[in-house]
Amino acid sequence: MDEVAGEDITREISQGKIHTRLFEHDGKLWFATHTSFYQGGLPGTDYGDKRPHPGGHFMNYDLRTGRFTDLARIFPNEGIISMTIDRPNLILYGLTWPSGILVSYDVKKNDLRYWGAVQQRGELGAHPWEWDRICRTPGIDPEGNVYGSTMDGQLWKYDRTKNRRVSYIDGLDLSKVPFAQSSKETLKGDFHHNWRTIEWNPRTNSFWGMHFECSTLFEFDPAKNFIRAVSELRPKGLLGSVRNPMISQLGFTIGA
């Protein structure tokens, strides 16, 4: 990724991974790059002889030619940890790490924009008072509205038809979704109420997703302003058992 981005890893902190999903569209894979350095957070960290992380990139990979294209780079010290794509309008949306800033890149217009922090100070904030785990999977509906969640269960929405495009959804709370919220069921003693993964289901005209820490499948219908718990996607024999809750819902998709 550093070679594609034209960056020198001997002189600056590298593009360490692709943390976003890979979206196939128009014969290409669309994605974004993330930093390789976490210790102590990014801003203000002493990197020795290396320059700070130059910023995450939006990129694509042509499945026919095998060619990478570097589309845009965000500001320094922030990687892009999660992303989604508005396919009809060809707009990429990403959340930066560690600050949780919503960014968009309109491919047709070559227009990169920043919409501000959606989760207070994100994972740059002091733990636990200002710290908020950044949403790992932004959701997008057929109208191009983007949705995300915060660690305390709030839901935010980006509506590109409004002047103030990012707002929180009143009356919905992901912390009310799980069936079980016992601290005995987690190795950390607390809960993070983001969703971990989410998908739009065209058959139900709603989102289906997994709660971050308790394997609860839920449905979110933004048109009706409604969320419901559906099922626990783990064996009943494990209910109430001590476990690492962060590894149980990384992968999720909707079949035919």
Protein backbone atom coordinates (compact mmCIF):
# COMPACT_ATOMS: atom_id res chain seq x y z
CA MET A 1 0.00 0.00 0.00
CA ASP A 2 2.89 2.38 0.66
CA GLU A 3 4.28 1.70 -2.80
CA VAL A 4 0.87 2.38 -4.34
CA ALA A 5 0.55 5.55 -2.27
CA GLY A 6 4.01 6.73 -3.28
CA GLU A 7 5.21 6.85 0.33
CA ASP A 8 8.54 5.79 1.84
CA ILE A 9 8.20 3.54 4.90
CA THR A 10 11.83 4.22 5.87
CA ARG A 11 10.94 7.88 6.42
CA GLU A 12 7.33 7.88 7.66
CA ILE A 13 4.83 5.64 9.46
CA SER A 14 3.44 3.27 6.87
CA GLN A 15 0.00 2.46 5.52
CA GLY A 16 -0.11 -0.66 7.66
CA LYS A 17 -3.31 -2.41 6.66
CA ILE A 18 -6.65 -2.31 4.90
CA HIS A 19 -9.03 -2.20 7.86
CA THR A 20 -12.12 -1.37 5.78
CA ARG A 21 -14.32 -3.79 3.89
CA LEU A 22 -13.59 -4.38 0.20
CA PHE A 23 -16.48 -3.22 -2.02
CA GLU A 24 -16.75 -4.63 -5.54
CA HIS A 25 -18.26 -2.12 -7.98
CA ASP A 26 -17.80 -1.40 -11.69
CA GLY A 27 -15.12 -4.08 -12.07
CA LYS A 28 -13.03 -2.69 -9.20
CA LEU A 29 -12.44 -3.22 -5.50
CA TRP A 30 -12.87 -0.03 -3.46
CA PHE A 31 -11.24 0.36 -0.03
CA ALA A 32 -9.17 2.64 2.21
CA THR A 33 -5.88 2.35 4.09
CA HIS A 34 -5.15 2.53 7.79
CA THR A 35 -2.09 3.28 9.91
CA SER A 36 0.36 0.65 11.12
CA PHE A 37 1.16 2.33 14.44
CA TYR A 38 -1.08 2.34 17.52
CA GLN A 39 1.15 2.63 20.59
CA GLY A 40 0.33 5.75 22.57
CA GLY A 41 -2.03 7.07 19.91
CA LEU A 42 -0.88 8.98 16.86
CA PRO A 43 -0.84 12.73 17.53
CA GLY A 44 2.08 13.84 19.66
CA THR A 45 3.83 10.47 19.56
CA ASP A 46 7.61 10.34 19.19
CA TYR A 47 8.38 8.29 16.10
CA GLY A 48 12.14 8.72 16.29
CA ASP A 49 13.55 9.44 12.85
CA LYS A 50 10.26 8.81 11.06
CA ARG A 51 7.62 11.39 10.15
CA PRO A 52 4.06 10.85 11.47
CA HIS A 53 1.51 8.88 9.53
CA PRO A 54 0.75 10.92 6.39
CA GLY A 55 -2.96 10.03 6.42
CA GLY A 56 -5.14 7.23 5.09
CA HIS A 57 -5.96 6.87 1.39
CA PHE A 58 -9.08 6.03 -0.57
CA MET A 59 -8.05 3.59 -3.32
CA ASN A 60 -9.35 1.09 -5.81
CA TYR A 61 -8.00 -2.00 -7.54
CA ASP A 62 -8.98 -2.89 -11.12
CA LEU A 63 -9.86 -6.60 -11.22
CA ARG A 64 -9.18 -6.82 -14.96
CA THR A 65 -5.90 -4.94 -15.28
CA GLY A 66 -4.50 -5.46 -11.78
CA ARG A 67 -3.86 -1.73 -11.44
CA PHE A 68 -4.20 0.23 -8.20
CA THR A 69 -5.43 3.82 -8.27
CA ASP A 70 -4.74 6.22 -5.40
CA LEU A 71 -7.85 8.40 -5.28
CA ALA A 72 -7.39 10.75 -2.32
CA ARG A 73 -5.50 11.12 0.96
CA ILE A 74 -6.95 12.58 4.15
CA PHE A 75 -5.05 14.81 6.61
CA PRO A 76 -1.99 13.49 8.52
CA ASN A 77 -2.13 11.47 11.75
CA GLU A 78 -5.47 9.86 10.84
CA GLY A 79 -6.01 6.48 9.22
CA ILE A 80 -9.32 5.32 7.72
CA ILE A 81 -10.63 2.50 9.89
CA SER A 82 -14.06 1.91 8.32
CA MET A 83 -15.76 2.73 5.04
CA THR A 84 -18.87 2.28 2.93
CA ILE A 85 -19.80 3.21 -0.64
CA ASP A 86 -22.75 4.98 -2.23
CA ARG A 87 -22.74 2.99 -5.48
CA PRO A 88 -25.26 5.03 -7.58
CA ASN A 89 -23.48 8.32 -6.83
CA LEU A 90 -19.99 6.78 -6.49
CA ILE A 91 -19.25 8.48 -3.17
CA LEU A 92 -16.97 6.85 -0.59
CA TYR A 93 -17.58 7.50 3.11
CA GLY A 94 -14.99 6.76 5.77
CA LEU A 95 -14.42 7.15 9.50
CA THR A 96 -10.95 8.20 10.60
CA TRP A 97 -8.90 6.75 13.45
CA PRO A 98 -8.27 7.79 16.15
CA SER A 99 -10.55 10.87 16.04
CA GLY A 100 -13.71 9.39 14.48
CA ILE A 101 -14.16 12.08 11.83
CA LEU A 102 -16.60 11.37 9.00
CA VAL A 103 -15.06 11.99 5.58
CA SER A 104 -16.49 11.64 2.08
CA TYR A 105 -14.91 11.41 -1.35
CA ASP A 106 -17.00 12.00 -4.46
CA VAL A 107 -15.13 10.05 -7.14
CA LYS A 108 -16.87 11.71 -10.11
CA LYS A 109 -16.22 15.24 -8.80
CA ASN A 110 -12.81 14.46 -7.22
CA ASP A 111 -14.20 16.14 -4.09
CA LEU A 112 -12.88 15.25 -0.61
CA ARG A 113 -14.84 16.66 2.35
CA TYR A 114 -14.81 16.45 6.15
CA TRP A 115 -18.05 16.42 8.15
CA GLY A 116 -16.68 16.58 11.68
CA ALA A 117 -16.37 14.14 14.57
CA VAL A 118 -19.38 11.87 15.05
CA GLN A 119 -18.26 10.25 18.35
CA GLN A 120 -16.90 13.01 20.57
CA ARG A 121 -13.10 12.53 20.54
CA GLY A 122 -13.28 8.94 19.30
CA GLU A 123 -10.42 6.69 20.37
CA LEU A 124 -8.15 9.70 20.84
CA GLY A 125 -10.06 10.71 23.96
CA ALA A 126 -8.97 9.90 27.51
CA HIS A 127 -10.23 6.48 28.57
CA PRO A 128 -12.88 5.99 29.81
CA TRP A 129 -14.37 9.49 30.08
CA GLU A 130 -13.88 10.79 26.52
CA TRP A 131 -13.04 7.51 24.79
CA ASP A 132 -15.57 6.11 22.28
CA ARG A 133 -14.90 3.05 20.11
CA ILE A 134 -15.26 4.10 16.48
CA CYS A 135 -18.00 2.40 14.48
CA ARG A 136 -16.38 -0.39 12.47
CA THR A 137 -19.14 -0.67 9.87
CA PRO A 138 -21.04 2.39 8.63
CA GLY A 139 -24.37 1.47 7.06
CA ILE A 140 -25.85 3.07 3.94
CA ASP A 141 -29.42 2.90 2.66
CA PRO A 142 -30.62 3.09 -0.98
CA GLU A 143 -31.13 6.88 -0.67
CA GLY A 144 -27.47 7.38 0.21
CA ASN A 145 -27.99 8.15 3.90
CA VAL A 146 -25.13 6.92 6.07
CA TYR A 147 -25.61 5.58 9.59
CA GLY A 148 -23.28 4.78 12.47
CA SER A 149 -23.35 3.97 16.15
CA THR A 150 -21.46 5.03 19.27
CA MET A 151 -20.18 3.01 22.21
CA ASP A 152 -22.98 4.19 24.51
CA GLY A 153 -25.67 3.14 22.02
CA GLN A 154 -26.44 6.39 20.19
CA LEU A 155 -27.12 6.29 16.46
CA TRP A 156 -26.03 9.03 14.08
CA LYS A 157 -27.18 9.77 10.54
CA TYR A 158 -25.57 11.59 7.63
CA ASP A 159 -28.17 13.07 5.26
CA ARG A 160 -26.60 14.71 2.22
CA THR A 161 -29.85 16.56 1.40
CA LYS A 162 -29.59 18.72 4.54
CA ASN A 163 -27.34 21.65 5.36
CA ARG A 164 -26.44 20.22 8.76
CA ARG A 165 -25.78 16.77 7.45
CA VAL A 166 -24.87 14.80 10.60
CA SER A 167 -27.35 14.42 13.46
CA TYR A 168 -28.21 11.92 16.19
CA ILE A 169 -31.43 9.89 15.99
CA ASP A 170 -33.68 10.64 18.95
CA GLY A 171 -35.43 7.80 20.73
CA LEU A 172 -33.26 4.89 19.55
CA ASP A 173 -30.70 3.27 21.83
CA LEU A 174 -28.56 0.25 20.96
CA SER A 175 -27.89 -0.38 24.65
CA LYS A 176 -31.51 -1.57 24.90
CA VAL A 177 -31.09 -4.17 22.15
CA PRO A 178 -29.18 -7.09 23.77
CA PHE A 179 -31.09 -9.74 25.67
CA ALA A 180 -28.28 -10.14 28.22
CA GLN A 181 -26.16 -7.30 29.56
CA SER A 182 -24.50 -8.97 32.55
CA SER A 183 -20.94 -7.82 33.22
CA LYS A 184 -20.22 -11.45 34.18
CA GLU A 185 -20.44 -12.31 30.48
CA THR A 186 -17.45 -10.23 29.47
CA LEU A 187 -13.78 -10.41 30.32
CA LYS A 188 -13.60 -6.61 30.53
CA GLY A 189 -16.44 -5.94 32.92
CA ASP A 190 -18.22 -3.41 30.70
CA PHE A 191 -20.12 -3.28 27.44
CA HIS A 192 -19.60 -1.41 24.18
CA HIS A 193 -22.96 -0.83 22.55
CA ASN A 194 -21.91 -0.13 18.97
CA TRP A 195 -23.05 -2.44 16.26
CA ARG A 196 -20.09 -4.45 14.97
CA THR A 197 -21.36 -5.21 11.48
CA ILE A 198 -24.46 -4.15 9.58
CA GLU A 199 -25.98 -4.84 6.14
CA TRP A 200 -28.89 -3.37 4.19
CA ASN A 201 -31.47 -6.04 3.34
CA PRO A 202 -33.45 -5.08 0.20
CA ARG A 203 -36.12 -7.72 0.92
CA THR A 204 -37.09 -6.11 4.22
CA ASN A 205 -36.04 -2.53 3.38
CA SER A 206 -34.10 -2.40 6.63
CA PHE A 207 -30.67 -2.97 8.14
CA TRP A 208 -29.68 -6.21 9.86
CA GLY A 209 -26.66 -6.22 12.13
CA MET A 210 -24.73 -7.65 15.05
CA HIS A 211 -24.40 -5.90 18.40
CA PHE A 212 -20.73 -5.38 19.25
CA GLU A 213 -20.38 -7.42 22.41
CA CYS A 214 -23.13 -9.96 22.84
CA SER A 215 -23.79 -11.62 19.45
CA THR A 216 -27.34 -10.27 19.29
CA LEU A 217 -28.78 -10.11 15.77
CA PHE A 218 -30.97 -7.03 15.42
CA GLU A 219 -33.05 -5.24 12.77
CA PHE A 220 -32.93 -1.47 12.30
CA ASP A 221 -35.61 0.19 10.15
CA PRO A 222 -34.66 3.88 9.74
CA ALA A 223 -37.88 4.77 7.91
CA LYS A 224 -39.95 3.61 10.90
CA ASN A 225 -37.37 4.77 13.46
CA PHE A 226 -37.43 1.26 14.91
CA ILE A 227 -34.93 -1.28 16.30
CA ARG A 228 -35.68 -4.80 17.53
CA ALA A 229 -33.60 -7.68 18.86
CA VAL A 230 -34.08 -10.83 16.79
CA SER A 231 -31.89 -13.67 18.03
CA GLU A 232 -28.68 -14.60 19.82
CA LEU A 233 -26.27 -15.97 17.21
CA ARG A 234 -24.33 -18.18 19.59
CA PRO A 235 -25.00 -21.60 21.15
CA LYS A 236 -27.36 -21.57 24.12
CA GLY A 237 -24.77 -23.48 26.12
CA LEU A 238 -22.56 -20.40 26.06
CA LEU A 239 -25.19 -18.00 27.41
CA GLY A 240 -23.92 -16.55 30.67
CA SER A 241 -20.41 -17.92 30.24
CA VAL A 242 -17.27 -15.81 30.50
CA ARG A 243 -15.85 -15.12 27.07
CA ASN A 244 -14.04 -12.56 25.01
CA PRO A 245 -17.05 -10.74 23.51
CA MET A 246 -15.05 -8.92 20.84
CA ILE A 247 -14.36 -11.96 18.63
CA SER A 248 -17.86 -13.32 18.20
CA GLN A 249 -19.33 -11.10 15.49
CA LEU A 250 -16.56 -9.87 13.23
CA GLY A 251 -17.95 -11.47 10.07
CA PHE A 252 -21.56 -11.10 8.98
CA THR A 253 -23.44 -11.14 5.69
CA ILE A 254 -26.96 -11.80 4.43
CA GLY A 255 -27.50 -14.78 2.15
CA ALA A 256 -29.98 -15.11 -0.69
